[in-house]
Protein backbone atom coordinates (compact mmCIF):
# COMPACT_ATOMS: atom_id res chain seq x y z
CA MET A 1 -24.12 -0.65 7.46
CA ARG A 2 -24.02 1.62 3.92
CA ARG A 3 -21.87 0.03 1.36
CA VAL A 4 -18.44 1.94 0.78
CA THR A 5 -18.78 2.78 -2.80
CA PRO A 6 -15.39 1.98 -5.02
CA LEU A 7 -14.53 5.60 -5.89
CA LEU A 8 -14.72 6.19 -2.05
CA VAL A 9 -12.40 2.93 -1.36
CA ALA A 10 -10.09 4.45 -4.20
CA VAL A 11 -9.79 7.90 -2.73
CA LEU A 12 -9.09 6.52 0.72
CA LEU A 13 -6.11 4.52 -1.21
CA LEU A 14 -5.10 7.12 -2.69
CA THR A 15 -4.74 9.48 0.48
CA GLY A 16 -2.85 7.04 2.20
CA LEU A 17 -0.58 6.49 -0.73
CA VAL A 18 -0.09 10.44 -0.99
CA SER A 19 0.28 10.98 2.92
CA ALA A 20 2.74 7.70 2.90
CA GLY A 21 4.86 8.96 0.15
CA LEU A 22 4.25 6.19 -2.10
CA VAL A 23 3.12 8.35 -5.01
CA TRP A 24 5.39 7.55 -8.39
CA THR A 25 7.52 10.88 -8.31
CA GLY A 26 9.73 9.49 -11.09
CA PRO A 27 11.62 6.55 -12.60
CA ALA A 28 12.87 4.10 -9.84
CA THR A 29 14.55 1.01 -10.36
CA ALA A 30 13.05 -2.65 -9.70
CA LEU A 31 14.19 -4.60 -6.28
CA GLU A 32 16.37 -7.52 -6.78
CA VAL A 33 15.43 -11.30 -5.90
CA GLY A 34 16.64 -11.07 -2.56
CA GLN A 35 16.75 -7.40 -2.15
CA LYS A 36 15.17 -5.72 1.03
CA ALA A 37 12.02 -3.21 0.00
CA PRO A 38 12.33 0.20 1.73
CA ASP A 39 10.49 0.76 4.80
CA PHE A 40 6.79 2.45 4.58
CA THR A 41 4.11 3.05 6.59
CA LEU A 42 0.46 2.93 5.52
CA PRO A 43 -3.22 3.33 7.55
CA GLY A 44 -4.06 -0.01 8.54
CA PRO A 45 -7.55 -1.18 10.08
CA GLY A 46 -9.05 1.52 12.29
CA GLY A 47 -6.67 4.11 10.72
CA LYS A 48 -3.81 2.55 13.11
CA PRO A 49 -0.38 2.97 10.94
CA VAL A 50 1.06 -0.15 9.96
CA LYS A 51 4.80 -0.28 9.25
CA LEU A 52 6.44 -2.58 6.48
CA SER A 53 9.51 -2.92 9.22
CA ASP A 54 7.34 -3.90 12.33
CA LEU A 55 5.45 -6.70 9.98
CA THR A 56 8.90 -8.26 8.56
CA ALA A 57 10.47 -8.47 12.43
CA LYS A 58 7.53 -10.97 12.66
CA GLY A 59 8.77 -13.21 9.57
CA PRO A 60 8.13 -13.02 5.88
CA VAL A 61 5.76 -10.33 4.07
CA VAL A 62 4.04 -10.98 0.71
CA VAL A 63 3.16 -7.72 -0.60
CA PHE A 64 0.00 -8.60 -3.40
CA THR A 65 -1.31 -5.44 -5.31
CA PHE A 66 -4.52 -5.05 -7.16
CA ILE A 67 -3.74 -3.42 -9.84
CA GLN A 68 -7.21 -3.60 -12.02
CA ALA A 69 -9.44 -3.61 -8.52
CA PHE A 70 -11.06 -0.57 -9.54
CA THR A 71 -11.01 -0.46 -13.55
CA GLY A 72 -13.91 -2.52 -14.30
CA THR A 73 -12.45 -4.60 -16.45
């Protein structure tokens, strides 16, 4: 199996964010503690769409981001 380059992963992630409408489009307000996050859908394994509302229906969800994953730091 061929190794996926970080650039390809970044392009695929950005494409998913653009198609889901999650790319920054201006100032936004932060959520307060206890406030519900807006529903969104992102491509999951195998390209299958994964909705936040489907996951929260099963129980609590933790969303963790790797902000510096591709910065080389």
